[in-house]
Amino acid sequence: MQHGRATMRATVLVRDKWVPLVPLADDPAILNGGGTEAGAFFARRSRDPAHAARLTTARKKLGQALEATHGPSTGLVALRMKAGLSQTELAKRMGTQQPSVARWERSPEKMGFETIEAWANALGIDTMDVCAAIKAQRGARNTEETHETA
């Protein structure tokens, strides 16, 4: 706790490495020492239209920052974030569940064409953009694997 506030620790997967994000939370459940799971925290915040709009804007900025910093190798995560969507929101649009979206973001090579189409439709982008993101993500992973085994 710092000055009566708890920090909420979160990470984001970038190029198969977890990068820490440490925002301070002003949620009463955290402030009162009760703690909360990140998914529950964001779900609660998303119910308020003003907070939901801020979360969407923050995701868009983070997606742009990921792509600007790490290039297209951030793949599917950057596409989703640039659209301002959480994994849960994307899953609802695709008619699936959040763990599936998380799995595809980690291992896009396991996606079938129908899933790639559903991803593109849910984000309102062209299917080829999703394919390009998958290819870039795969290329970055292969480059890292080559460097690690060399």
C-alpha atoms as a PDB file:
ATOM      1  CA  MET A   1       0.000   0.000   0.000  1.00  0.00           C
ATOM      2  CA  GLN A   2       1.191   3.462  -0.837  1.00  0.00           C
ATOM      3  CA  HIS A   3      -0.461   6.439   0.806  1.00  0.00           C
ATOM      4  CA  GLY A   4      -3.622   4.484   1.562  1.00  0.00           C
ATOM      5  CA  ARG A   5      -3.883   3.113  -1.977  1.00  0.00           C
ATOM      6  CA  ALA A   6      -3.102  -0.377  -3.167  1.00  0.00           C
ATOM      7  CA  THR A   7      -1.383  -1.005  -6.444  1.00  0.00           C
ATOM      8  CA  MET A   8      -2.951  -3.382  -8.888  1.00  0.00           C
ATOM      9  CA  ARG A   9      -0.354  -5.360 -10.759  1.00  0.00           C
ATOM     10  CA  ALA A  10      -1.125  -6.426 -14.301  1.00  0.00           C
ATOM     11  CA  THR A  11       0.901  -7.642 -17.227  1.00  0.00           C
ATOM     12  CA  VAL A  12       0.482  -7.708 -20.982  1.00  0.00           C
ATOM     13  CA  LEU A  13       2.035 -10.271 -23.327  1.00  0.00           C
ATOM     14  CA  VAL A  14       4.372  -8.628 -25.843  1.00  0.00           C
ATOM     15  CA  ARG A  15       6.472 -10.833 -28.106  1.00  0.00           C
ATOM     16  CA  ASP A  16       5.926 -13.798 -25.778  1.00  0.00           C
ATOM     17  CA  LYS A  17       7.258 -11.849 -22.792  1.00  0.00           C
ATOM     18  CA  TRP A  18       5.141 -10.487 -19.967  1.00  0.00           C
ATOM     19  CA  VAL A  19       5.550  -6.722 -19.553  1.00  0.00           C
ATOM     20  CA  PRO A  20       4.316  -5.302 -16.209  1.00  0.00           C
ATOM     21  CA  LEU A  21       1.723  -2.546 -16.041  1.00  0.00           C
ATOM     22  CA  VAL A  22       1.337  -0.943 -12.627  1.00  0.00           C
ATOM     23  CA  PRO A  23      -1.614   1.472 -12.584  1.00  0.00           C
ATOM     24  CA  LEU A  24      -2.950   2.731  -9.277  1.00  0.00           C
ATOM     25  CA  ALA A  25      -6.549   1.733  -8.755  1.00  0.00           C
ATOM     26  CA  ASP A  26      -9.180   3.902  -7.136  1.00  0.00           C
ATOM     27  CA  ASP A  27     -11.719   1.111  -6.869  1.00  0.00           C
ATOM     28  CA  PRO A  28     -13.279   0.941  -3.361  1.00  0.00           C
ATOM     29  CA  ALA A  29     -12.748  -2.822  -3.150  1.00  0.00           C
ATOM     30  CA  ILE A  30      -9.020  -2.320  -3.546  1.00  0.00           C
ATOM     31  CA  LEU A  31      -8.807   0.795  -1.371  1.00  0.00           C
ATOM     32  CA  ASN A  32     -10.555  -0.961   1.518  1.00  0.00           C
ATOM     33  CA  GLY A  33      -8.037  -3.793   1.444  1.00  0.00           C
ATOM     34  CA  GLY A  34     -10.493  -6.335   0.098  1.00  0.00           C
ATOM     35  CA  GLY A  35      -8.610  -6.833  -3.150  1.00  0.00           C
ATOM     36  CA  THR A  36     -10.186  -7.791  -6.417  1.00  0.00           C
ATOM     37  CA  GLU A  37      -9.475  -9.878  -9.440  1.00  0.00           C
ATOM     38  CA  ALA A  38      -8.551  -7.729 -12.470  1.00  0.00           C
ATOM     39  CA  GLY A  39     -11.348  -9.125 -14.645  1.00  0.00           C
ATOM     40  CA  ALA A  40     -13.954  -8.332 -11.980  1.00  0.00           C
ATOM     41  CA  PHE A  41     -12.481  -4.856 -11.503  1.00  0.00           C
ATOM     42  CA  PHE A  42     -12.695  -3.994 -15.209  1.00  0.00           C
ATOM     43  CA  ALA A  43     -16.140  -5.580 -15.581  1.00  0.00           C
ATOM     44  CA  ARG A  44     -17.418  -3.414 -12.748  1.00  0.00           C
ATOM     45  CA  ARG A  45     -15.809  -0.294 -14.233  1.00  0.00           C
ATOM     46  CA  SER A  46     -17.231  -1.076 -17.688  1.00  0.00           C
ATOM     47  CA  ARG A  47     -20.810  -0.882 -16.405  1.00  0.00           C
ATOM     48  CA  ASP A  48     -20.441   2.893 -16.030  1.00  0.00           C
ATOM     49  CA  PRO A  49     -20.557   4.443 -19.545  1.00  0.00           C
ATOM     50  CA  ALA A  50     -18.004   7.132 -18.638  1.00  0.00           C
ATOM     51  CA  HIS A  51     -15.525   4.565 -17.321  1.00  0.00           C
ATOM     52  CA  ALA A  52     -16.215   2.250 -20.262  1.00  0.00           C
ATOM     53  CA  ALA A  53     -15.404   5.069 -22.692  1.00  0.00           C
ATOM     54  CA  ARG A  54     -12.144   5.805 -20.843  1.00  0.00           C
ATOM     55  CA  LEU A  55     -11.167   2.118 -20.874  1.00  0.00           C
ATOM     56  CA  THR A  56     -11.846   1.962 -24.620  1.00  0.00           C
ATOM     57  CA  THR A  57      -9.711   5.054 -25.215  1.00  0.00           C
ATOM     58  CA  ALA A  58      -6.927   3.655 -23.024  1.00  0.00           C
ATOM     59  CA  ARG A  59      -6.959   0.340 -24.916  1.00  0.00           C
ATOM     60  CA  LYS A  60      -6.763   2.172 -28.248  1.00  0.00           C
ATOM     61  CA  LYS A  61      -3.780   4.212 -27.063  1.00  0.00           C
ATOM     62  CA  LEU A  62      -2.084   1.116 -25.663  1.00  0.00           C
ATOM     63  CA  GLY A  63      -2.614  -0.741 -28.953  1.00  0.00           C
ATOM     64  CA  GLN A  64      -1.088   2.144 -30.884  1.00  0.00           C
ATOM     65  CA  ALA A  65       1.817   2.337 -28.432  1.00  0.00           C
ATOM     66  CA  LEU A  66       2.455  -1.412 -28.666  1.00  0.00           C
ATOM     67  CA  GLU A  67       2.574  -1.260 -32.438  1.00  0.00           C
ATOM     68  CA  ALA A  68       4.723   1.904 -32.470  1.00  0.00           C
ATOM     69  CA  THR A  69       7.173   0.450 -29.950  1.00  0.00           C
ATOM     70  CA  HIS A  70       7.312  -3.183 -31.021  1.00  0.00           C
ATOM     71  CA  GLY A  71       6.109  -3.016 -34.627  1.00  0.00           C
ATOM     72  CA  PRO A  72       3.556  -5.332 -36.197  1.00  0.00           C
ATOM     73  CA  SER A  73       4.935  -8.328 -34.270  1.00  0.00           C
ATOM     74  CA  THR A  74       2.472  -7.557 -31.468  1.00  0.00           C
ATOM     75  CA  GLY A  75      -0.014  -9.134 -33.845  1.00  0.00           C
ATOM     76  CA  LEU A  76      -3.513  -9.920 -32.692  1.00  0.00           C
ATOM     77  CA  VAL A  77      -3.185  -8.149 -29.341  1.00  0.00           C
ATOM     78  CA  ALA A  78      -2.441  -4.811 -31.013  1.00  0.00           C
ATOM     79  CA  LEU A  79      -5.331  -5.273 -33.466  1.00  0.00           C
ATOM     80  CA  ARG A  80      -7.756  -5.904 -30.608  1.00  0.00           C
ATOM     81  CA  MET A  81      -6.394  -3.098 -28.452  1.00  0.00           C
ATOM     82  CA  LYS A  82      -6.409  -0.581 -31.328  1.00  0.00           C
ATOM     83  CA  ALA A  83     -10.116  -1.384 -31.705  1.00  0.00           C
ATOM     84  CA  GLY A  84     -10.524  -0.530 -28.010  1.00  0.00           C
ATOM     85  CA  LEU A  85     -11.805  -3.971 -27.061  1.00  0.00           C
ATOM     86  CA  SER A  86     -11.068  -6.234 -24.124  1.00  0.00           C
ATOM     87  CA  GLN A  87     -10.685  -9.959 -24.725  1.00  0.00           C
ATOM     88  CA  THR A  88     -14.154 -10.449 -23.230  1.00  0.00           C
ATOM     89  CA  GLU A  89     -15.734  -7.842 -25.519  1.00  0.00           C
ATOM     90  CA  LEU A  90     -14.070  -9.363 -28.590  1.00  0.00           C
ATOM     91  CA  ALA A  91     -15.186 -12.845 -27.527  1.00  0.00           C
ATOM     92  CA  LYS A  92     -18.811 -11.668 -27.258  1.00  0.00           C
ATOM     93  CA  ARG A  93     -18.645 -10.143 -30.739  1.00  0.00           C
ATOM     94  CA  MET A  94     -17.200 -13.396 -32.086  1.00  0.00           C
ATOM     95  CA  GLY A  95     -19.707 -15.604 -30.284  1.00  0.00           C
ATOM     96  CA  THR A  96     -17.063 -17.358 -28.215  1.00  0.00           C
ATOM     97  CA  GLN A  97     -15.475 -17.046 -24.758  1.00  0.00           C
ATOM     98  CA  GLN A  98     -12.564 -14.977 -23.434  1.00  0.00           C
ATOM     99  CA  PRO A  99     -10.180 -17.934 -22.867  1.00  0.00           C
ATOM    100  CA  SER A 100     -10.413 -18.738 -26.586  1.00  0.00           C
ATOM    101  CA  VAL A 101      -9.407 -15.183 -27.503  1.00  0.00           C
ATOM    102  CA  ALA A 102      -6.472 -15.356 -25.048  1.00  0.00           C
ATOM    103  CA  ARG A 103      -5.356 -18.689 -26.532  1.00  0.00           C
ATOM    104  CA  TRP A 104      -5.519 -17.355 -30.111  1.00  0.00           C
ATOM    105  CA  GLU A 105      -3.550 -14.252 -29.123  1.00  0.00           C
ATOM    106  CA  ARG A 106      -0.814 -16.499 -27.688  1.00  0.00           C
ATOM    107  CA  SER A 107      -0.872 -19.067 -30.515  1.00  0.00           C
ATOM    108  CA  PRO A 108      -2.550 -17.657 -33.630  1.00  0.00           C
ATOM    109  CA  GLU A 109      -1.320 -20.553 -35.752  1.00  0.00           C
ATOM    110  CA  LYS A 110      -4.126 -22.611 -34.179  1.00  0.00           C
ATOM    111  CA  MET A 111      -6.792 -20.370 -35.734  1.00  0.00           C
ATOM    112  CA  GLY A 112      -8.854 -21.721 -38.598  1.00  0.00           C
ATOM    113  CA  PHE A 113     -10.019 -19.549 -41.483  1.00  0.00           C
ATOM    114  CA  GLU A 114     -13.516 -19.211 -39.998  1.00  0.00           C
ATOM    115  CA  THR A 115     -12.004 -17.895 -36.787  1.00  0.00           C
ATOM    116  CA  ILE A 116      -9.809 -15.434 -38.680  1.00  0.00           C
ATOM    117  CA  GLU A 117     -12.911 -14.207 -40.529  1.00  0.00           C
ATOM    118  CA  ALA A 118     -14.856 -13.881 -37.268  1.00  0.00           C
ATOM    119  CA  TRP A 119     -11.941 -11.942 -35.716  1.00  0.00           C
ATOM    120  CA  ALA A 120     -11.838  -9.545 -38.680  1.00  0.00           C
ATOM    121  CA  ASN A 121     -15.616  -9.066 -38.697  1.00  0.00           C
ATOM    122  CA  ALA A 122     -15.680  -8.427 -34.942  1.00  0.00           C
ATOM    123  CA  LEU A 123     -13.012  -5.726 -35.324  1.00  0.00           C
ATOM    124  CA  GLY A 124     -14.482  -4.285 -38.518  1.00  0.00           C
ATOM    125  CA  ILE A 125     -11.286  -4.842 -40.490  1.00  0.00           C
ATOM    126  CA  ASP A 126     -10.256  -6.844 -43.544  1.00  0.00           C
ATOM    127  CA  THR A 127      -9.418 -10.530 -43.161  1.00  0.00           C
ATOM    128  CA  MET A 128      -6.029  -9.873 -44.791  1.00  0.00           C
ATOM    129  CA  ASP A 129      -5.157  -7.466 -41.957  1.00  0.00           C
ATOM    130  CA  VAL A 130      -5.681 -10.288 -39.464  1.00  0.00           C
ATOM    131  CA  CYS A 131      -3.587 -12.653 -41.605  1.00  0.00           C
ATOM    132  CA  ALA A 132      -0.795 -10.054 -41.818  1.00  0.00           C
ATOM    133  CA  ALA A 133      -0.842  -9.616 -38.024  1.00  0.00           C
ATOM    134  CA  ILE A 134      -0.615 -13.386 -37.536  1.00  0.00           C
ATOM    135  CA  LYS A 135       2.270 -13.600 -40.018  1.00  0.00           C
ATOM    136  CA  ALA A 136       4.163 -10.758 -38.309  1.00  0.00           C
ATOM    137  CA  GLN A 137       3.576 -12.302 -34.877  1.00  0.00           C
ATOM    138  CA  ARG A 138       4.818 -15.677 -36.118  1.00  0.00           C
ATOM    139  CA  GLY A 139       7.852 -14.071 -37.760  1.00  0.00           C
ATOM    140  CA  ALA A 140       8.803 -12.327 -34.521  1.00  0.00           C
ATOM    141  CA  ARG A 141       8.442 -15.584 -32.587  1.00  0.00           C
ATOM    142  CA  ASN A 142      10.584 -17.489 -35.115  1.00  0.00           C
ATOM    143  CA  THR A 143      13.275 -14.774 -34.988  1.00  0.00           C
ATOM    144  CA  GLU A 144      13.372 -14.962 -31.180  1.00  0.00           C
ATOM    145  CA  GLU A 145      13.561 -18.771 -31.281  1.00  0.00           C
ATOM    146  CA  THR A 146      16.475 -18.584 -33.756  1.00  0.00           C
ATOM    147  CA  HIS A 147      18.316 -16.128 -31.506  1.00  0.00           C
ATOM    148  CA  GLU A 148      17.714 -18.275 -28.423  1.00  0.00           C
ATOM    149  CA  THR A 149      19.026 -21.467 -30.061  1.00  0.00           C
ATOM    150  CA  ALA A 150      22.005 -19.836 -31.789  1.00  0.00           C
END
